[in-house]
Amino acid sequence: MKKYTTIILAGIIVLLSAVLVGVLVFMKNQPPQERAFQQLVEIKAMEPDSSLWGQNFPNQWSTLQKTKTNNIDTTYAGSSQFSWLEKDPRQVILFWGYPFSKDYNDDRGHMNALEDVRATKRLNLNDEDPKHTPATCYSCKSSDNPGLWTEIGMEAYDKMSFNEMTPNINNTIGCANCHEAGTMRLIVTNPALDEALEAQGKHWEDFTRQEMRTVVCANCHVEYYFKGDGKYLTFPWANGTEIHQIIEYYEELGFKDWEYPDAKTPMLKAQHPEYEFFTAGSTHYNAGVSCSDCHMPYVSEGAAKFSSHDVHSPLLNPEQACGQCHTDSEYVVRRVNLIQEQVANIKIDTENAIIDAINAIKLAAANPNADAALLDQARNLHRKAQFMWDFVSAENSTGFHNPEYALKILAESTNLARQAQMLAAQSVNDMTLLETGVYDKMDPKPTPAK
């Protein structure tokens, strides 16, 4: 009897040990729970100075400050503010006639946003010029914005010029852009995002905390345009966030960002549609992964566990960023590199196709006998093809946020560009316009438009 009692006790101990280990492992992989906290400093609503928030949350503040000095590049992007026009001279041609052909640098970290927007050569600071830069361009650059939007409203904000708004903007991206003072809950602060969600019948207040760890990124990391003479910040989501729904929105509106010189195509410029791209049925999104899980992973500092605010590519810290789900981080990095290499190479092929279409349309447009209807069809296909390419190009993951989606978009973009080239040739009955590889015969670095 004693023998069996010993065996039973040993079994119970082993079982309890296994349960304890399981509980500890489970707890280790859980995010810190939202709870009441003792504030050392009371933070007023929409306080723009992140250093004050940092007195209550030193770990988050210290890691956020690292985004100021991070300048490490990955294979296809990074934080060093390199020039896309130098890295890929085709983009000078693609954006010809638009300020992006003058200056197009990769983004640096969040703490540099304000400095960088003021330094870009794309600004037109002549308020007497009807095309002067509006205050709307500050919308995603400062933690002063939530307070200003509340005080004067976004409509009045956007009607001001960049110069007029500058004295009111003193802080770069910070805590107030994503958090509610006092509770620290994640919130939507950009009125344009709130309005875009409402247009779809969605209310961010009903979202889970995990959902909000992606939605708050959509305060800035989205496609947008400036609506009307007041340059009102608007997300083109009324029909949905899928690329064809966005194109349909712009087509119905008749909107254009600029007209391509000589080709006379009404062009669209994609911004940085990370949110639309990631949420379009990507593997990670469907699995419940948020933007913050990868770009702001949980880390430990002594007894404290917190979400790092040193926002950067997960490729720079794969063990932390990917390790919560993937045990072999080296495999993950190799997999990412293969995906990005494929997308990057196909993206260049698409650029070549669009440039061939541009040149065919320009030559056809110069012919007074061109069939106007066919030429307009070619322009419309050029417009759509370039926006689709730009939707992938301007999205900051070289396709990895949604690989299948990226490749599908690029394939369709290439197809539309070749159709545009064909229609341009048919409009003047000149099949020599169907020659490919025009880019290789051109000056690889044409002088940017003035």
Protein backbone atom coordinates (compact mmCIF):
# COMPACT_ATOMS: atom_id res chain seq x y z
CA MET A 1 0.00 0.00 0.00
CA LYS A 2 2.86 2.35 0.90
CA LYS A 3 4.43 1.62 -2.48
CA TYR A 4 1.28 2.70 -4.34
CA THR A 5 0.93 5.81 -2.18
CA THR A 6 4.47 6.86 -3.10
CA ILE A 7 3.77 6.30 -6.80
CA ILE A 8 0.54 8.33 -6.59
CA LEU A 9 2.27 11.19 -4.77
CA ALA A 10 5.09 11.17 -7.32
CA GLY A 11 2.54 11.27 -10.13
CA ILE A 12 0.72 14.18 -8.53
CA ILE A 13 4.00 16.08 -8.14
CA VAL A 14 4.93 15.48 -11.79
CA LEU A 15 1.45 16.55 -12.92
CA LEU A 16 1.51 19.71 -10.80
CA SER A 17 5.00 20.52 -12.06
CA ALA A 18 3.85 20.15 -15.66
CA VAL A 19 0.84 22.37 -15.01
CA LEU A 20 3.05 24.97 -13.33
CA VAL A 21 5.49 24.98 -16.24
CA GLY A 22 2.58 25.32 -18.66
CA VAL A 23 1.15 28.24 -16.72
CA LEU A 24 4.54 29.98 -16.60
CA VAL A 25 5.09 29.52 -20.32
CA PHE A 26 1.59 30.82 -21.02
CA MET A 27 2.11 33.85 -18.79
CA LYS A 28 5.50 34.57 -20.38
CA ASN A 29 3.90 34.87 -23.79
CA GLN A 30 1.05 37.10 -22.71
CA PRO A 31 1.12 40.88 -23.11
CA PRO A 32 1.03 42.91 -19.91
CA GLN A 33 -2.55 43.47 -18.87
CA GLU A 34 -4.07 46.93 -18.90
CA ARG A 35 -4.52 48.04 -15.33
CA ALA A 36 -4.69 51.10 -13.19
CA PHE A 37 -1.28 52.66 -12.64
CA GLN A 38 0.20 55.14 -10.25
CA GLN A 39 1.08 58.33 -12.11
CA LEU A 40 4.18 60.15 -10.97
CA VAL A 41 3.15 63.10 -13.13
CA GLU A 42 -0.40 63.92 -14.16
CA ILE A 43 -0.64 64.10 -17.94
CA LYS A 44 -3.22 66.44 -19.38
CA ALA A 45 -5.42 65.32 -22.26
CA MET A 46 -3.58 65.30 -25.61
CA GLU A 47 -0.34 66.47 -24.02
CA PRO A 48 2.07 66.85 -26.99
CA ASP A 49 5.31 66.66 -24.97
CA SER A 50 6.19 62.96 -24.89
CA SER A 51 8.97 63.50 -22.36
CA LEU A 52 6.31 64.25 -19.74
CA TRP A 53 4.58 60.94 -20.48
CA GLY A 54 8.04 59.40 -20.19
CA GLN A 55 8.22 60.23 -16.49
CA ASN A 56 5.40 57.74 -15.96
CA PHE A 57 6.58 55.30 -18.62
CA PRO A 58 10.40 55.53 -18.81
CA ASN A 59 10.87 52.27 -20.70
CA GLN A 60 8.50 53.21 -23.49
CA TRP A 61 9.98 56.71 -23.70
CA SER A 62 13.60 55.56 -23.75
CA THR A 63 12.90 53.09 -26.55
CA LEU A 64 10.92 55.65 -28.56
CA GLN A 65 13.93 57.97 -28.45
CA LYS A 66 16.01 55.30 -30.18
CA THR A 67 14.05 55.95 -33.37
CA LYS A 68 15.92 59.27 -33.57
CA THR A 69 19.32 57.68 -34.12
CA ASN A 70 18.46 54.37 -35.77
CA ASN A 71 19.92 54.44 -39.26
CA ILE A 72 20.31 50.76 -40.12
CA ASP A 73 19.20 49.64 -43.56
CA THR A 74 17.76 46.30 -44.54
CA THR A 75 18.28 44.89 -48.03
CA TYR A 76 15.34 46.77 -49.54
CA ALA A 77 14.63 49.61 -47.14
CA GLY A 78 15.71 50.83 -43.69
CA SER A 79 16.09 54.04 -41.74
CA SER A 80 19.01 55.83 -43.35
CA GLN A 81 16.94 58.21 -45.50
CA PHE A 82 18.52 57.03 -48.74
CA SER A 83 17.12 58.43 -51.99
CA TRP A 84 14.76 56.20 -53.94
CA LEU A 85 15.51 58.31 -57.00
CA GLU A 86 19.17 57.32 -56.77
CA LYS A 87 18.50 53.72 -55.78
CA ASP A 88 15.96 53.28 -58.59
CA PRO A 89 16.32 56.02 -61.25
CA ARG A 90 13.24 54.70 -63.07
CA GLN A 91 11.18 56.46 -60.42
CA VAL A 92 12.40 59.84 -61.69
CA ILE A 93 10.66 58.99 -64.96
CA LEU A 94 7.58 57.49 -63.33
CA PHE A 95 6.97 60.61 -61.20
CA TRP A 96 8.00 63.13 -63.86
CA GLY A 97 6.11 66.39 -63.52
CA TYR A 98 5.36 65.75 -59.83
CA PRO A 99 7.41 66.80 -56.77
CA PHE A 100 8.36 63.17 -56.07
CA SER A 101 10.63 63.33 -59.15
CA LYS A 102 12.64 66.01 -57.31
CA ASP A 103 13.00 64.42 -53.89
CA TYR A 104 11.94 61.00 -52.63
CA ASN A 105 13.80 59.77 -49.56
CA ASP A 106 13.04 56.71 -47.51
CA ASP A 107 11.50 57.46 -44.12
CA ARG A 108 13.64 57.66 -41.00
CA GLY A 109 12.38 56.79 -37.52
CA HIS A 110 9.34 58.38 -35.86
CA MET A 111 11.36 60.92 -33.89
CA ASN A 112 12.66 62.38 -37.17
CA ALA A 113 9.27 62.86 -38.84
CA LEU A 114 8.94 66.56 -38.15
CA GLU A 115 12.51 67.41 -39.13
CA ASP A 116 12.25 65.41 -42.35
CA VAL A 117 8.96 66.86 -43.58
CA ARG A 118 10.37 70.36 -43.17
CA ALA A 119 13.53 69.44 -45.06
CA THR A 120 11.98 67.79 -48.12
CA LYS A 121 12.43 69.53 -51.46
CA ARG A 122 8.83 68.65 -52.32
CA LEU A 123 7.56 71.59 -50.27
CA ASN A 124 6.26 74.70 -52.02
CA LEU A 125 6.44 77.39 -49.35
CA ASN A 126 5.32 80.25 -51.59
CA ASP A 127 1.88 81.00 -50.16
CA GLU A 128 1.14 83.21 -53.18
CA ASP A 129 1.36 80.16 -55.43
CA PRO A 130 -2.03 78.40 -55.75
CA LYS A 131 -0.12 75.10 -55.48
CA HIS A 132 1.52 76.01 -52.16
CA THR A 133 1.96 73.21 -49.64
CA PRO A 134 -1.04 72.98 -47.26
CA ALA A 135 -0.92 72.41 -43.50
CA THR A 136 -2.44 68.98 -44.23
CA CYS A 137 1.11 67.75 -44.85
CA TYR A 138 1.74 68.02 -41.10
CA SER A 139 -1.10 65.59 -40.34
CA CYS A 140 1.07 62.55 -39.62
CA LYS A 141 4.15 64.30 -38.31
CA SER A 142 3.38 65.68 -34.87
CA SER A 143 1.88 64.90 -31.47
CA ASP A 144 0.59 68.48 -31.43
CA ASN A 145 -2.08 67.46 -33.93
CA PRO A 146 -4.69 65.80 -31.67
CA GLY A 147 -4.91 68.96 -29.58
CA LEU A 148 -5.03 71.23 -32.63
CA TRP A 149 -7.72 69.14 -34.32
CA THR A 150 -9.78 69.30 -31.14
CA GLU A 151 -9.23 73.04 -30.74
CA ILE A 152 -9.81 74.33 -34.27
CA GLY A 153 -11.16 71.31 -36.17
CA MET A 154 -9.50 69.48 -39.05
CA GLU A 155 -11.25 71.54 -41.71
CA ALA A 156 -9.74 74.80 -40.42
CA TYR A 157 -6.39 73.07 -39.85
CA ASP A 158 -6.19 71.81 -43.44
CA LYS A 159 -7.18 75.15 -44.96
CA MET A 160 -4.08 76.77 -43.50
CA SER A 161 -0.81 76.77 -45.38
CA PHE A 162 2.22 74.82 -44.24
CA ASN A 163 3.90 78.09 -43.30
CA GLU A 164 0.90 79.28 -41.27
CA MET A 165 0.75 76.02 -39.32
CA THR A 166 4.49 75.75 -38.61
CA PRO A 167 4.51 77.94 -35.42
CA ASN A 168 1.89 75.59 -33.90
CA ILE A 169 3.91 72.43 -34.53
CA ASN A 170 6.71 71.89 -32.04
CA ASN A 171 6.76 68.17 -31.30
CA THR A 172 7.40 65.18 -33.53
CA ILE A 173 5.34 61.96 -33.46
CA GLY A 174 4.75 60.86 -29.88
CA CYS A 175 2.53 59.39 -27.19
CA ALA A 176 -0.51 61.60 -27.86
CA ASN A 177 -0.82 60.27 -31.40
CA CYS A 178 -1.89 56.83 -30.18
CA HIS A 179 -2.72 56.95 -26.46
CA GLU A 180 -5.33 58.50 -24.21
CA ALA A 181 -3.76 60.33 -21.28
CA GLY A 182 -4.69 58.94 -17.89
CA THR A 183 -5.84 55.53 -19.12
CA MET A 184 -3.11 54.89 -21.72
CA ARG A 185 -5.63 53.01 -23.87
CA LEU A 186 -5.01 52.97 -27.61
CA ILE A 187 -7.23 55.42 -29.46
CA VAL A 188 -7.89 56.86 -32.91
CA THR A 189 -6.72 60.48 -32.92
CA ASN A 190 -6.80 61.28 -36.65
CA PRO A 191 -10.27 62.55 -37.65
CA ALA A 192 -9.73 61.25 -41.19
CA LEU A 193 -9.35 57.69 -39.87
CA ASP A 194 -12.42 58.06 -37.66
CA GLU A 195 -14.46 59.30 -40.63
CA ALA A 196 -13.16 56.54 -42.92
CA LEU A 197 -14.12 53.84 -40.42
CA GLU A 198 -17.53 55.42 -39.86
CA ALA A 199 -18.11 55.39 -43.64
CA GLN A 200 -17.75 51.61 -43.47
CA GLY A 201 -20.06 51.32 -40.48
CA LYS A 202 -17.17 50.57 -38.12
CA HIS A 203 -16.55 52.11 -34.70
CA TRP A 204 -13.07 51.85 -33.30
CA GLU A 205 -14.36 52.06 -29.74
CA ASP A 206 -15.78 48.56 -30.26
CA PHE A 207 -12.46 47.04 -31.38
CA THR A 208 -10.46 44.74 -29.13
CA ARG A 209 -7.13 45.83 -27.74
CA GLN A 210 -5.35 43.48 -30.14
CA GLU A 211 -7.24 44.99 -33.07
CA MET A 212 -6.31 48.47 -31.87
CA ARG A 213 -2.63 47.47 -31.94
CA THR A 214 -3.05 47.59 -35.72
CA VAL A 215 -5.73 50.27 -36.08
CA VAL A 216 -3.69 52.99 -34.33
CA CYS A 217 -1.04 52.56 -37.02
CA ALA A 218 -3.73 53.55 -39.53
CA ASN A 219 -3.69 57.05 -38.02
CA CYS A 220 -0.81 57.52 -40.48
CA HIS A 221 0.21 54.37 -42.38
CA VAL A 222 -2.53 54.52 -45.02
CA GLU A 223 -3.46 55.73 -48.49
CA TYR A 224 -4.98 59.24 -48.46
CA TYR A 225 -5.57 62.31 -50.58
CA PHE A 226 -6.33 66.00 -50.07
CA LYS A 227 -9.97 66.66 -50.90
CA GLY A 228 -11.16 69.86 -52.57
CA ASP A 229 -9.82 73.38 -52.36
CA GLY A 230 -9.58 73.08 -48.58
CA LYS A 231 -7.12 70.15 -48.94
CA TYR A 232 -9.19 68.16 -46.46
CA LEU A 233 -7.41 64.99 -45.41
CA THR A 234 -9.46 62.02 -46.66
CA PHE A 235 -8.97 58.26 -46.82
CA PRO A 236 -10.52 56.78 -50.02
CA TRP A 237 -12.27 53.95 -48.17
CA ALA A 238 -15.93 54.64 -48.94
CA ASN A 239 -16.04 51.60 -51.25
CA GLY A 240 -13.64 49.53 -49.15
CA THR A 241 -9.89 49.26 -48.60
CA GLU A 242 -9.04 46.75 -51.34
CA ILE A 243 -7.01 48.28 -54.18
CA HIS A 244 -9.71 47.96 -56.85
CA GLN A 245 -12.21 49.58 -54.49
CA ILE A 246 -9.81 52.48 -53.94
CA ILE A 247 -9.26 52.88 -57.68
CA GLU A 248 -13.02 52.80 -58.21
CA TYR A 249 -13.37 55.55 -55.61
CA TYR A 250 -10.88 57.78 -57.42
CA GLU A 251 -12.46 57.02 -60.80
CA GLU A 252 -15.92 58.00 -59.55
CA LEU A 253 -14.47 61.18 -58.07
CA GLY A 254 -12.41 62.03 -61.14
CA PHE A 255 -9.49 62.85 -58.86
CA LYS A 256 -5.89 63.28 -60.03
CA ASP A 257 -2.70 64.24 -58.24
CA TRP A 258 -1.03 65.57 -61.39
CA GLU A 259 -1.00 65.31 -65.16
CA TYR A 260 1.92 63.46 -66.69
CA PRO A 261 3.79 65.83 -69.04
CA ASP A 262 3.30 65.23 -72.78
CA ALA A 263 1.36 62.00 -72.15
CA LYS A 264 -1.48 64.04 -70.58
CA THR A 265 -2.40 61.15 -68.27
CA PRO A 266 -4.30 62.15 -65.09
CA MET A 267 -2.08 60.47 -62.50
CA LEU A 268 -2.54 59.13 -58.97
CA LYS A 269 0.23 58.99 -56.34
CA ALA A 270 -0.06 56.25 -53.74
CA GLN A 271 1.08 57.19 -50.25
CA HIS A 272 2.04 54.46 -47.75
CA PRO A 273 -0.86 51.96 -47.59
CA GLU A 274 0.56 49.56 -45.01
CA TYR A 275 -2.80 49.23 -43.22
CA GLU A 276 -4.80 48.48 -46.38
CA PHE A 277 -2.10 46.10 -47.60
CA PHE A 278 -1.70 44.13 -44.37
CA THR A 279 -5.43 43.82 -43.65
CA ALA A 280 -6.27 42.56 -47.16
CA GLY A 281 -6.33 38.94 -46.05
CA SER A 282 -2.64 38.51 -45.28
CA THR A 283 -1.52 35.35 -43.49
CA HIS A 284 -0.41 37.19 -40.36
CA TYR A 285 -3.50 39.39 -40.19
CA ASN A 286 -5.79 36.38 -40.57
CA ALA A 287 -3.88 34.71 -37.72
CA GLY A 288 -4.64 37.65 -35.42
CA VAL A 289 -1.17 39.17 -35.50
CA SER A 290 -1.04 42.96 -35.12
CA CYS A 291 1.43 45.49 -36.48
CA SER A 292 2.74 46.05 -32.96
CA ASP A 293 3.45 42.35 -32.38
CA CYS A 294 6.23 42.51 -34.99
CA HIS A 295 7.32 46.14 -35.05
CA MET A 296 6.91 46.83 -31.30
CA PRO A 297 7.47 43.43 -29.66
CA TYR A 298 7.25 42.87 -25.92
CA VAL A 299 10.62 43.03 -24.19
CA SER A 300 11.77 42.75 -20.60
CA GLU A 301 13.84 45.20 -18.60
CA GLY A 302 14.45 43.77 -15.15
CA ALA A 303 11.04 42.92 -13.75
CA ALA A 304 9.24 45.14 -16.27
CA LYS A 305 7.67 43.77 -19.44
CA PHE A 306 6.60 46.34 -22.02
CA SER A 307 6.08 46.92 -25.72
CA SER A 308 9.23 48.40 -27.23
CA HIS A 309 8.56 51.73 -28.93
CA ASP A 310 11.78 51.50 -30.92
CA VAL A 311 9.74 50.97 -34.08
CA HIS A 312 11.76 49.45 -36.92
CA SER A 313 12.00 46.45 -39.25
CA PRO A 314 11.62 43.07 -37.52
CA LEU A 315 14.57 41.91 -39.61
CA LEU A 316 16.81 43.87 -37.24
CA ASN A 317 15.70 41.92 -34.16
CA PRO A 318 14.09 38.70 -35.45
CA GLU A 319 14.50 36.77 -32.20
CA GLN A 320 12.30 39.27 -30.35
CA ALA A 321 10.00 40.25 -33.21
CA CYS A 322 9.37 36.81 -34.67
CA GLY A 323 10.37 34.52 -31.81
CA GLN A 324 7.01 34.62 -30.04
CA CYS A 325 5.59 32.46 -32.84
CA HIS A 326 8.57 31.17 -34.86
CA THR A 327 11.21 29.07 -33.14
CA ASP A 328 13.69 29.30 -36.03
CA SER A 329 14.33 33.00 -36.60
CA GLU A 330 17.10 32.29 -39.11
CA TYR A 331 14.60 30.46 -41.31
CA VAL A 332 12.19 33.38 -40.99
CA VAL A 333 14.83 35.87 -42.16
CA ARG A 334 15.74 33.66 -45.13
CA ARG A 335 12.05 33.33 -46.01
CA VAL A 336 11.52 37.09 -45.82
CA ASN A 337 14.56 37.71 -47.99
CA LEU A 338 13.31 35.31 -50.66
CA ILE A 339 9.87 36.92 -50.72
CA GLN A 340 11.25 40.44 -50.89
CA GLU A 341 13.76 39.53 -53.59
CA GLN A 342 10.97 38.11 -55.76
CA VAL A 343 8.72 41.14 -55.24
CA ALA A 344 11.58 43.61 -55.82
CA ASN A 345 12.61 41.97 -59.10
CA ILE A 346 9.05 41.80 -60.43
CA LYS A 347 8.50 45.40 -59.36
CA ILE A 348 11.36 46.49 -61.62
CA ASP A 349 9.84 44.55 -64.53
CA THR A 350 6.56 46.37 -63.89
CA GLU A 351 8.33 49.73 -63.86
CA ASN A 352 9.87 48.95 -67.25
CA ALA A 353 6.44 48.07 -68.66
CA ILE A 354 4.95 51.33 -67.37
CA ILE A 355 7.81 53.38 -68.80
CA ASP A 356 7.29 51.70 -72.18
CA ALA A 357 3.60 52.65 -71.96
CA ILE A 358 4.47 56.25 -71.04
CA ASN A 359 6.76 56.65 -74.02
CA ALA A 360 4.26 55.08 -76.41
CA ILE A 361 1.51 57.39 -75.16
CA LYS A 362 3.76 60.45 -75.40
CA LEU A 363 4.68 59.66 -79.00
CA ALA A 364 1.06 58.94 -79.92
CA ALA A 365 -0.17 62.11 -78.22
CA ALA A 366 2.25 64.15 -80.33
CA ASN A 367 0.58 62.83 -83.50
CA PRO A 368 -2.35 65.12 -84.53
CA ASN A 369 -3.97 62.17 -86.33
CA ALA A 370 -4.11 59.94 -83.26
CA ASP A 371 -7.42 58.24 -82.48
CA ALA A 372 -8.51 60.26 -79.42
CA ALA A 373 -10.74 57.52 -78.00
CA LEU A 374 -8.03 54.86 -78.13
CA LEU A 375 -5.50 57.30 -76.69
CA ASP A 376 -7.79 58.13 -73.76
CA GLN A 377 -8.22 54.42 -73.08
CA ALA A 378 -4.44 54.06 -73.05
CA ARG A 379 -4.14 56.94 -70.59
CA ASN A 380 -6.71 55.39 -68.26
CA LEU A 381 -4.84 52.08 -68.25
CA HIS A 382 -1.56 53.91 -67.64
CA ARG A 383 -3.16 55.73 -64.69
CA LYS A 384 -4.39 52.48 -63.14
CA ALA A 385 -1.22 50.51 -63.87
CA GLN A 386 1.04 53.09 -62.23
CA PHE A 387 -1.16 53.49 -59.17
CA MET A 388 -1.20 49.71 -58.69
CA TRP A 389 2.59 49.54 -59.00
CA ASP A 390 2.92 52.48 -56.59
CA PHE A 391 0.55 50.80 -54.13
CA VAL A 392 3.16 48.05 -53.78
CA SER A 393 6.21 50.30 -54.13
CA ALA A 394 5.14 52.93 -51.57
CA GLU A 395 4.07 50.25 -49.07
CA ASN A 396 7.02 49.78 -46.74
CA SER A 397 7.57 46.03 -46.74
CA THR A 398 8.64 45.17 -50.31
CA GLY A 399 5.59 42.94 -50.42
CA PHE A 400 6.18 40.95 -47.24
CA HIS A 401 3.12 42.26 -45.38
CA ASN A 402 1.02 40.40 -47.97
CA PRO A 403 3.17 38.56 -50.55
CA GLU A 404 0.40 36.99 -52.64
CA TYR A 405 -1.43 40.32 -52.83
CA ALA A 406 1.75 42.14 -53.89
CA LEU A 407 2.52 39.71 -56.70
CA LYS A 408 -1.07 39.72 -57.91
CA ILE A 409 -1.15 43.53 -58.03
CA LEU A 410 2.18 43.76 -59.86
CA ALA A 411 1.09 41.15 -62.41
CA GLU A 412 -2.10 43.08 -63.14
CA SER A 413 -0.20 46.37 -63.26
CA THR A 414 2.21 44.96 -65.86
CA ASN A 415 -0.69 43.64 -67.90
CA LEU A 416 -2.47 47.01 -67.86
CA ALA A 417 0.73 48.82 -68.83
CA ARG A 418 1.26 46.56 -71.83
CA GLN A 419 -2.37 47.06 -72.85
CA ALA A 420 -1.86 50.82 -72.61
CA GLN A 421 1.21 50.55 -74.81
CA MET A 422 -0.77 48.51 -77.36
CA LEU A 423 -3.66 50.99 -77.44
CA ALA A 424 -1.26 53.89 -77.90
CA ALA A 425 0.32 52.11 -80.86
CA GLN A 426 -3.09 51.34 -82.33
CA SER A 427 -4.19 54.96 -81.92
CA VAL A 428 -1.62 56.02 -84.53
CA ASN A 429 -1.34 52.68 -86.33
CA ASP A 430 2.37 52.52 -85.51
CA MET A 431 3.43 49.13 -84.22
CA THR A 432 6.99 50.31 -83.63
CA LEU A 433 5.63 51.76 -80.38
CA LEU A 434 5.34 48.19 -79.12
CA GLU A 435 9.10 47.94 -78.69
CA THR A 436 10.08 46.98 -75.16
CA GLY A 437 13.14 47.83 -73.13
CA VAL A 438 12.89 51.54 -73.88
CA TYR A 439 14.31 52.36 -70.45
CA ASP A 440 17.61 50.68 -71.28
CA LYS A 441 18.09 53.14 -74.15
CA MET A 442 17.43 56.21 -72.03
CA ASP A 443 19.58 58.33 -69.75
CA PRO A 444 19.30 56.40 -66.44
CA LYS A 445 19.33 59.62 -64.43
CA PRO A 446 17.44 62.35 -66.31
CA THR A 447 17.48 65.78 -64.74
CA PRO A 448 14.50 66.06 -62.33
CA ALA A 449 11.72 68.42 -63.34
CA LYS A 450 12.04 71.97 -62.04
